[in-house]
Amino acid sequence: MKEYSTLFKNSRTSKMVFLLSIIVSGYCWLGQVINLYSVALVGAIFEILWLPALVMLIVLPIISMILLLKEKVNVRSLYVYSILLGVATILIMLFN
């Protein structure tokens, strides 16, 4: 039982980076799927958060790559999924 618990142990940093990647990806997806400007307050909040979300969309995969290399490229790390989610979100935004 101890062997399995150490196989999937992720650090607090990797969980935080992955959670931020999910939030940013959801924010970008929500902005493309739903008309957020139908309610003025929601549109204003969306516009305020747009630039930080865009910066995080670019920076999070870079941070994940750096931390993954420091971790000596562990395939079971959440950094891999964070990179994949960030790249997929960027590609969907470009080609949608």
Protein backbone atom coordinates (compact mmCIF):
# COMPACT_ATOMS: atom_id res chain seq x y z
CA MET A 1 0.00 0.00 0.00
CA LYS A 2 2.88 2.38 0.70
CA GLU A 3 4.19 1.95 -2.84
CA TYR A 4 1.01 3.31 -4.40
CA SER A 5 0.79 6.29 -2.08
CA THR A 6 4.27 7.49 -3.10
CA LEU A 7 3.65 6.99 -6.82
CA PHE A 8 0.99 9.67 -7.09
CA LYS A 9 2.27 12.10 -4.49
CA ASN A 10 2.34 15.62 -5.90
CA SER A 11 3.70 18.69 -4.22
CA ARG A 12 1.59 21.60 -3.11
CA THR A 13 3.15 23.74 -5.84
CA SER A 14 2.17 21.30 -8.58
CA LYS A 15 -1.40 21.19 -7.29
CA MET A 16 -1.54 24.99 -7.20
CA VAL A 17 -0.17 25.36 -10.73
CA PHE A 18 -2.60 22.73 -12.03
CA LEU A 19 -5.56 24.38 -10.28
CA LEU A 20 -4.60 27.78 -11.71
CA SER A 21 -4.34 26.20 -15.17
CA ILE A 22 -7.85 24.79 -14.82
CA ILE A 23 -9.22 28.14 -13.66
CA VAL A 24 -7.57 30.07 -16.52
CA SER A 25 -8.67 27.50 -19.07
CA GLY A 26 -12.23 27.62 -17.77
CA TYR A 27 -12.18 31.42 -17.84
CA CYS A 28 -11.07 31.47 -21.47
CA TRP A 29 -13.59 28.80 -22.45
CA LEU A 30 -16.39 30.60 -20.62
CA GLY A 31 -15.60 33.84 -22.43
CA GLN A 32 -15.95 32.15 -25.81
CA VAL A 33 -19.05 30.08 -25.08
CA ILE A 34 -21.28 32.48 -23.13
CA ASN A 35 -22.20 36.06 -24.04
CA LEU A 36 -20.87 37.73 -20.91
CA TYR A 37 -21.66 41.24 -22.10
CA SER A 38 -25.43 40.82 -21.83
CA VAL A 39 -25.14 41.84 -18.17
CA ALA A 40 -23.08 45.00 -17.73
CA LEU A 41 -21.55 44.09 -14.36
CA VAL A 42 -20.44 40.64 -15.51
CA GLY A 43 -18.97 42.15 -18.67
CA ALA A 44 -17.05 44.74 -16.64
CA ILE A 45 -15.63 42.09 -14.31
CA PHE A 46 -14.69 39.96 -17.32
CA GLU A 47 -12.85 42.91 -18.90
CA ILE A 48 -10.96 43.64 -15.67
CA LEU A 49 -9.80 40.01 -15.34
CA TRP A 50 -8.98 39.56 -19.03
CA LEU A 51 -5.38 40.80 -18.97
CA PRO A 52 -4.27 38.84 -15.87
CA ALA A 53 -5.86 35.69 -17.31
CA LEU A 54 -4.04 36.20 -20.61
CA VAL A 55 -0.73 36.67 -18.82
CA MET A 56 -1.32 33.56 -16.71
CA LEU A 57 -2.26 31.61 -19.83
CA ILE A 58 1.19 32.32 -21.26
CA VAL A 59 3.21 32.15 -18.02
CA LEU A 60 1.74 29.00 -16.43
CA PRO A 61 2.99 26.54 -19.09
CA ILE A 62 6.45 28.14 -18.91
CA ILE A 63 6.51 27.84 -15.11
CA SER A 64 5.26 24.27 -15.39
CA MET A 65 8.03 23.40 -17.83
CA ILE A 66 10.70 24.89 -15.57
CA LEU A 67 9.39 23.09 -12.50
CA LEU A 68 9.01 19.84 -14.46
CA LEU A 69 12.65 20.03 -15.50
CA LYS A 70 13.67 20.71 -11.89
CA GLU A 71 11.68 17.61 -10.92
CA LYS A 72 13.71 15.62 -13.49
CA VAL A 73 10.79 15.05 -15.89
CA ASN A 74 8.46 12.87 -13.86
CA VAL A 75 5.66 11.75 -16.18
CA ARG A 76 3.21 11.33 -13.29
CA SER A 77 3.57 14.95 -12.25
CA LEU A 78 0.70 17.42 -12.48
CA TYR A 79 3.03 19.80 -14.31
CA VAL A 80 2.66 17.68 -17.46
CA TYR A 81 -1.11 18.05 -17.34
CA SER A 82 -0.81 21.76 -16.66
CA ILE A 83 1.38 22.18 -19.75
CA LEU A 84 -1.03 20.15 -21.89
CA LEU A 85 -4.03 22.12 -20.63
CA GLY A 86 -2.32 25.46 -21.26
CA VAL A 87 -1.20 24.53 -24.77
CA ALA A 88 -4.64 23.11 -25.62
CA THR A 89 -6.32 26.29 -24.40
CA ILE A 90 -3.99 28.47 -26.45
CA LEU A 91 -4.60 26.37 -29.56
CA ILE A 92 -8.37 26.41 -29.08
CA MET A 93 -8.31 30.19 -28.68
CA LEU A 94 -6.19 30.61 -31.81
CA PHE A 95 -8.16 28.29 -34.08
CA ASN A 96 -11.68 28.87 -32.83
